[in-house]
PDB file of N, CA and C in Angstrom:
ATOM      1  N   UNK A   1       0.821  -1.182   0.000  1.00  0.00           N
ATOM      2  CA  UNK A   1       0.000   0.000   0.000  1.00  0.00           C
ATOM      3  C   UNK A   1       0.874   1.258   0.000  1.00  0.00           C
ATOM      4  N   UNK A   2       1.956   1.220   0.753  1.00  0.00           N
ATOM      5  CA  UNK A   2       2.864   2.363   0.797  1.00  0.00           C
ATOM      6  C   UNK A   2       3.533   2.562  -0.559  1.00  0.00           C
ATOM      7  N   UNK A   3       3.883   1.467  -1.213  1.00  0.00           N
ATOM      8  CA  UNK A   3       4.527   1.564  -2.525  1.00  0.00           C
ATOM      9  C   UNK A   3       3.578   2.179  -3.546  1.00  0.00           C
ATOM     10  N   UNK A   4       2.320   1.825  -3.509  1.00  0.00           N
ATOM     11  CA  UNK A   4       1.337   2.404  -4.420  1.00  0.00           C
ATOM     12  C   UNK A   4       1.137   3.882  -4.169  1.00  0.00           C
ATOM     13  N   UNK A   5       1.069   4.266  -2.906  1.00  0.00           N
ATOM     14  CA  UNK A   5       0.919   5.678  -2.558  1.00  0.00           C
ATOM     15  C   UNK A   5       2.147   6.478  -2.980  1.00  0.00           C
ATOM     16  N   UNK A   6       3.334   5.922  -2.763  1.00  0.00           N
ATOM     17  CA  UNK A   6       4.563   6.604  -3.165  1.00  0.00           C
ATOM     18  C   UNK A   6       4.675   6.755  -4.665  1.00  0.00           C
ATOM     19  N   UNK A   7       4.220   5.734  -5.396  1.00  0.00           N
ATOM     20  CA  UNK A   7       4.245   5.811  -6.861  1.00  0.00           C
ATOM     21  C   UNK A   7       3.330   6.919  -7.354  1.00  0.00           C
ATOM     22  N   UNK A   8       2.137   6.998  -6.811  1.00  0.00           N
ATOM     23  CA  UNK A   8       1.205   8.060  -7.204  1.00  0.00           C
ATOM     24  C   UNK A   8       1.754   9.427  -6.804  1.00  0.00           C
ATOM     25  N   UNK A   9       2.315   9.523  -5.629  1.00  0.00           N
ATOM     26  CA  UNK A   9       2.865  10.786  -5.144  1.00  0.00           C
ATOM     27  C   UNK A   9       3.998  11.288  -6.038  1.00  0.00           C
ATOM     28  N   UNK A  10       4.944  10.427  -6.364  1.00  0.00           N
ATOM     29  CA  UNK A  10       6.081  10.869  -7.169  1.00  0.00           C
ATOM     30  C   UNK A  10       5.729  11.028  -8.645  1.00  0.00           C
ATOM     31  N   UNK A  11       4.683  10.357  -9.113  1.00  0.00           N
ATOM     32  CA  UNK A  11       4.204  10.630 -10.474  1.00  0.00           C
ATOM     33  C   UNK A  11       3.639  12.044 -10.540  1.00  0.00           C
ATOM     34  N   UNK A  12       2.881  12.412  -9.541  1.00  0.00           N
ATOM     35  CA  UNK A  12       2.378  13.787  -9.470  1.00  0.00           C
ATOM     36  C   UNK A  12       3.494  14.800  -9.329  1.00  0.00           C
ATOM     37  N   UNK A  13       4.508  14.483  -8.540  1.00  0.00           N
ATOM     38  CA  UNK A  13       5.642  15.390  -8.374  1.00  0.00           C
ATOM     39  C   UNK A  13       6.431  15.534  -9.673  1.00  0.00           C
ATOM     40  N   UNK A  14       6.535  14.461 -10.440  1.00  0.00           N
ATOM     41  CA  UNK A  14       7.247  14.527 -11.715  1.00  0.00           C
ATOM     42  C   UNK A  14       6.511  15.433 -12.698  1.00  0.00           C
ATOM     43  N   UNK A  15       5.189  15.294 -12.778  1.00  0.00           N
ATOM     44  CA  UNK A  15       4.409  16.177 -13.649  1.00  0.00           C
ATOM     45  C   UNK A  15       4.498  17.622 -13.185  1.00  0.00           C
ATOM     46  N   UNK A  16       4.431  17.837 -11.886  1.00  0.00           N
ATOM     47  CA  UNK A  16       4.529  19.189 -11.349  1.00  0.00           C
ATOM     48  C   UNK A  16       5.886  19.803 -11.648  1.00  0.00           C
ATOM     49  N   UNK A  17       6.957  19.050 -11.443  1.00  0.00           N
ATOM     50  CA  UNK A  17       8.296  19.547 -11.757  1.00  0.00           C
ATOM     51  C   UNK A  17       8.449  19.867 -13.236  1.00  0.00           C
ATOM     52  N   UNK A  18       7.894  19.022 -14.084  1.00  0.00           N
ATOM     53  CA  UNK A  18       8.025  19.216 -15.526  1.00  0.00           C
ATOM     54  C   UNK A  18       7.358  20.511 -15.978  1.00  0.00           C
ATOM     55  N   UNK A  19       6.195  20.808 -15.418  1.00  0.00           N
ATOM     56  CA  UNK A  19       5.464  21.995 -15.855  1.00  0.00           C
ATOM     57  C   UNK A  19       5.899  23.273 -15.161  1.00  0.00           C
ATOM     58  N   UNK A  20       6.449  23.187 -13.956  1.00  0.00           N
ATOM     59  CA  UNK A  20       6.853  24.400 -13.253  1.00  0.00           C
ATOM     60  C   UNK A  20       8.325  24.737 -13.412  1.00  0.00           C
ATOM     61  N   UNK A  21       9.114  23.832 -13.947  1.00  0.00           N
ATOM     62  CA  UNK A  21      10.547  24.081 -14.052  1.00  0.00           C
ATOM     63  C   UNK A  21      10.908  25.318 -14.874  1.00  0.00           C
ATOM     64  N   UNK A  22      10.313  25.555 -16.037  1.00  0.00           N
ATOM     65  CA  UNK A  22      10.701  26.755 -16.792  1.00  0.00           C
ATOM     66  C   UNK A  22      10.400  28.059 -16.051  1.00  0.00           C
ATOM     67  N   UNK A  23       9.406  28.055 -15.173  1.00  0.00           N
ATOM     68  CA  UNK A  23       9.064  29.269 -14.439  1.00  0.00           C
ATOM     69  C   UNK A  23       9.800  29.382 -13.107  1.00  0.00           C
ATOM     70  N   UNK A  24      10.351  28.287 -12.628  1.00  0.00           N
ATOM     71  CA  UNK A  24      10.998  28.290 -11.323  1.00  0.00           C
ATOM     72  C   UNK A  24      12.488  28.601 -11.409  1.00  0.00           C
ATOM     73  N   UNK A  25      13.172  28.002 -12.362  1.00  0.00           N
ATOM     74  CA  UNK A  25      14.621  28.139 -12.461  1.00  0.00           C
ATOM     75  C   UNK A  25      14.999  29.039 -13.633  1.00  0.00           C
ATOM     76  N   UNK A  26      15.993  29.890 -13.391  1.00  0.00           N
ATOM     77  CA  UNK A  26      16.525  30.732 -14.462  1.00  0.00           C
ATOM     78  C   UNK A  26      17.513  29.913 -15.289  1.00  0.00           C
ATOM     79  N   UNK A  27      17.984  30.488 -16.384  1.00  0.00           N
ATOM     80  CA  UNK A  27      18.896  29.768 -17.276  1.00  0.00           C
ATOM     81  C   UNK A  27      20.210  29.400 -16.597  1.00  0.00           C
ATOM     82  N   UNK A  28      20.670  30.222 -15.659  1.00  0.00           N
ATOM     83  CA  UNK A  28      21.937  29.912 -14.995  1.00  0.00           C
ATOM     84  C   UNK A  28      21.756  28.917 -13.848  1.00  0.00           C
ATOM     85  N   UNK A  29      20.541  28.500 -13.569  1.00  0.00           N
ATOM     86  CA  UNK A  29      20.268  27.525 -12.513  1.00  0.00           C
ATOM     87  C   UNK A  29      19.876  26.165 -13.085  1.00  0.00           C
ATOM     88  N   UNK A  30      20.376  25.848 -14.257  1.00  0.00           N
ATOM     89  CA  UNK A  30      19.986  24.587 -14.904  1.00  0.00           C
ATOM     90  C   UNK A  30      20.426  23.372 -14.107  1.00  0.00           C
ATOM     91  N   UNK A  31      21.544  23.470 -13.395  1.00  0.00           N
ATOM     92  CA  UNK A  31      22.037  22.325 -12.626  1.00  0.00           C
ATOM     93  C   UNK A  31      21.093  21.985 -11.469  1.00  0.00           C
ATOM     94  N   UNK A  32      20.614  22.986 -10.774  1.00  0.00           N
ATOM     95  CA  UNK A  32      19.673  22.750  -9.671  1.00  0.00           C
ATOM     96  C   UNK A  32      18.361  22.168 -10.195  1.00  0.00           C
ATOM     97  N   UNK A  33      17.895  22.664 -11.327  1.00  0.00           N
ATOM     98  CA  UNK A  33      16.666  22.130 -11.913  1.00  0.00           C
ATOM     99  C   UNK A  33      16.830  20.697 -12.367  1.00  0.00           C
ATOM    100  N   UNK A  34      17.952  20.400 -12.983  1.00  0.00           N
ATOM    101  CA  UNK A  34      18.205  19.037 -13.438  1.00  0.00           C
ATOM    102  C   UNK A  34      18.340  18.075 -12.259  1.00  0.00           C
ATOM    103  N   UNK A  35      18.981  18.516 -11.199  1.00  0.00           N
ATOM    104  CA  UNK A  35      19.116  17.679 -10.012  1.00  0.00           C
ATOM    105  C   UNK A  35      17.761  17.406  -9.371  1.00  0.00           C
ATOM    106  N   UNK A  36      16.910  18.403  -9.342  1.00  0.00           N
ATOM    107  CA  UNK A  36      15.573  18.222  -8.795  1.00  0.00           C
ATOM    108  C   UNK A  36      14.785  17.194  -9.592  1.00  0.00           C
ATOM    109  N   UNK A  37      14.820  17.304 -10.907  1.00  0.00           N
ATOM    110  CA  UNK A  37      14.120  16.332 -11.744  1.00  0.00           C
ATOM    111  C   UNK A  37      14.731  14.935 -11.607  1.00  0.00           C
ATOM    112  N   UNK A  38      16.043  14.862 -11.544  1.00  0.00           N
ATOM    113  CA  UNK A  38      16.732  13.578 -11.410  1.00  0.00           C
ATOM    114  C   UNK A  38      16.307  12.872 -10.126  1.00  0.00           C
ATOM    115  N   UNK A  39      16.286  13.595  -9.017  1.00  0.00           N
ATOM    116  CA  UNK A  39      15.909  12.987  -7.741  1.00  0.00           C
ATOM    117  C   UNK A  39      14.443  12.555  -7.739  1.00  0.00           C
ATOM    118  N   UNK A  40      13.590  13.329  -8.376  1.00  0.00           N
ATOM    119  CA  UNK A  40      12.183  12.944  -8.465  1.00  0.00           C
ATOM    120  C   UNK A  40      12.025  11.651  -9.244  1.00  0.00           C
ATOM    121  N   UNK A  41      12.720  11.537 -10.376  1.00  0.00           N
ATOM    122  CA  UNK A  41      12.595  10.327 -11.187  1.00  0.00           C
ATOM    123  C   UNK A  41      13.259   9.121 -10.534  1.00  0.00           C
ATOM    124  N   UNK A  42      14.328   9.323  -9.799  1.00  0.00           N
ATOM    125  CA  UNK A  42      14.942   8.207  -9.064  1.00  0.00           C
ATOM    126  C   UNK A  42      13.980   7.693  -7.997  1.00  0.00           C
ATOM    127  N   UNK A  43      13.362   8.606  -7.249  1.00  0.00           N
ATOM    128  CA  UNK A  43      12.390   8.183  -6.233  1.00  0.00           C
ATOM    129  C   UNK A  43      11.194   7.501  -6.865  1.00  0.00           C
ATOM    130  N   UNK A  44      10.725   7.996  -7.997  1.00  0.00           N
ATOM    131  CA  UNK A  44       9.615   7.354  -8.698  1.00  0.00           C
ATOM    132  C   UNK A  44       9.991   5.940  -9.129  1.00  0.00           C
ATOM    133  N   UNK A  45      11.181   5.769  -9.671  1.00  0.00           N
ATOM    134  CA  UNK A  45      11.644   4.449 -10.087  1.00  0.00           C
ATOM    135  C   UNK A  45      11.726   3.492  -8.900  1.00  0.00           C
ATOM    136  N   UNK A  46      12.222   3.950  -7.775  1.00  0.00           N
ATOM    137  CA  UNK A  46      12.330   3.100  -6.591  1.00  0.00           C
ATOM    138  C   UNK A  46      10.956   2.659  -6.112  1.00  0.00           C
ATOM    139  N   UNK A  47       9.996   3.581  -6.089  1.00  0.00           N
ATOM    140  CA  UNK A  47       8.661   3.202  -5.643  1.00  0.00           C
ATOM    141  C   UNK A  47       7.963   2.293  -6.637  1.00  0.00           C
ATOM    142  N   UNK A  48       8.220   2.463  -7.939  1.00  0.00           N
ATOM    143  CA  UNK A  48       7.658   1.531  -8.920  1.00  0.00           C
ATOM    144  C   UNK A  48       8.237   0.138  -8.714  1.00  0.00           C
ATOM    145  N   UNK A  49       9.536   0.048  -8.446  1.00  0.00           N
ATOM    146  CA  UNK A  49      10.138  -1.256  -8.153  1.00  0.00           C
ATOM    147  C   UNK A  49       9.535  -1.887  -6.909  1.00  0.00           C
ATOM    148  N   UNK A  50       9.335  -1.082  -5.866  1.00  0.00           N
ATOM    149  CA  UNK A  50       8.715  -1.606  -4.648  1.00  0.00           C
ATOM    150  C   UNK A  50       7.302  -2.102  -4.919  1.00  0.00           C
ATOM    151  N   UNK A  51       6.571  -1.366  -5.765  1.00  0.00           N
ATOM    152  CA  UNK A  51       5.210  -1.771  -6.085  1.00  0.00           C
ATOM    153  C   UNK A  51       5.200  -3.076  -6.867  1.00  0.00           C
ATOM    154  N   UNK A  52       6.096  -3.219  -7.823  1.00  0.00           N
ATOM    155  CA  UNK A  52       6.171  -4.457  -8.615  1.00  0.00           C
ATOM    156  C   UNK A  52       6.562  -5.625  -7.724  1.00  0.00           C
ATOM    157  N   UNK A  53       7.505  -5.424  -6.820  1.00  0.00           N
ATOM    158  CA  UNK A  53       7.922  -6.490  -5.906  1.00  0.00           C
ATOM    159  C   UNK A  53       6.774  -6.876  -4.983  1.00  0.00           C
ATOM    160  N   UNK A  54       6.043  -5.877  -4.493  1.00  0.00           N
ATOM    161  CA  UNK A  54       4.923  -6.179  -3.596  1.00  0.00           C
ATOM    162  C   UNK A  54       3.812  -6.920  -4.329  1.00  0.00           C
ATOM    163  N   UNK A  55       3.557  -6.547  -5.574  1.00  0.00           N
ATOM    164  CA  UNK A  55       2.501  -7.219  -6.330  1.00  0.00           C
ATOM    165  C   UNK A  55       2.902  -8.625  -6.737  1.00  0.00           C
ATOM    166  N   UNK A  56       4.153  -8.828  -7.084  1.00  0.00           N
ATOM    167  CA  UNK A  56       4.583 -10.159  -7.476  1.00  0.00           C
ATOM    168  C   UNK A  56       4.765 -11.072  -6.253  1.00  0.00           C
ATOM    169  N   UNK A  57       5.080 -10.527  -5.121  1.00  0.00           N
ATOM    170  CA  UNK A  57       5.251 -11.328  -3.914  1.00  0.00           C
ATOM    171  C   UNK A  57       3.941 -11.785  -3.311  1.00  0.00           C
ATOM    172  N   UNK A  58       2.863 -11.070  -3.568  1.00  0.00           N
ATOM    173  CA  UNK A  58       1.578 -11.436  -2.967  1.00  0.00           C
ATOM    174  C   UNK A  58       0.893 -12.575  -3.698  1.00  0.00           C
ATOM    175  N   UNK A  59       1.376 -12.939  -4.879  1.00  0.00           N
ATOM    176  CA  UNK A  59       0.751 -14.016  -5.663  1.00  0.00           C
ATOM    177  C   UNK A  59       1.299 -15.394  -5.331  1.00  0.00           C
ATOM    178  N   UNK A  60       2.344 -15.477  -4.549  1.00  0.00           N
ATOM    179  CA  UNK A  60       2.939 -16.785  -4.220  1.00  0.00           C
ATOM    180  C   UNK A  60       2.170 -17.508  -3.163  1.00  0.00           C
TER     181      UNK A  60
END
């Protein structure tokens, strides 16, 4: 259940970051913006893996 909630949460955060990034960061702050997006996608990937593991483990 936590993995599903985290996946939904970070999917929303990824969409939010994608649409607000051009208005939030200036051109000279590209590194901070890229790091923010990178960390969001890493967390999303981790929660998707947790969700897949939880779903595949419950069928045994």
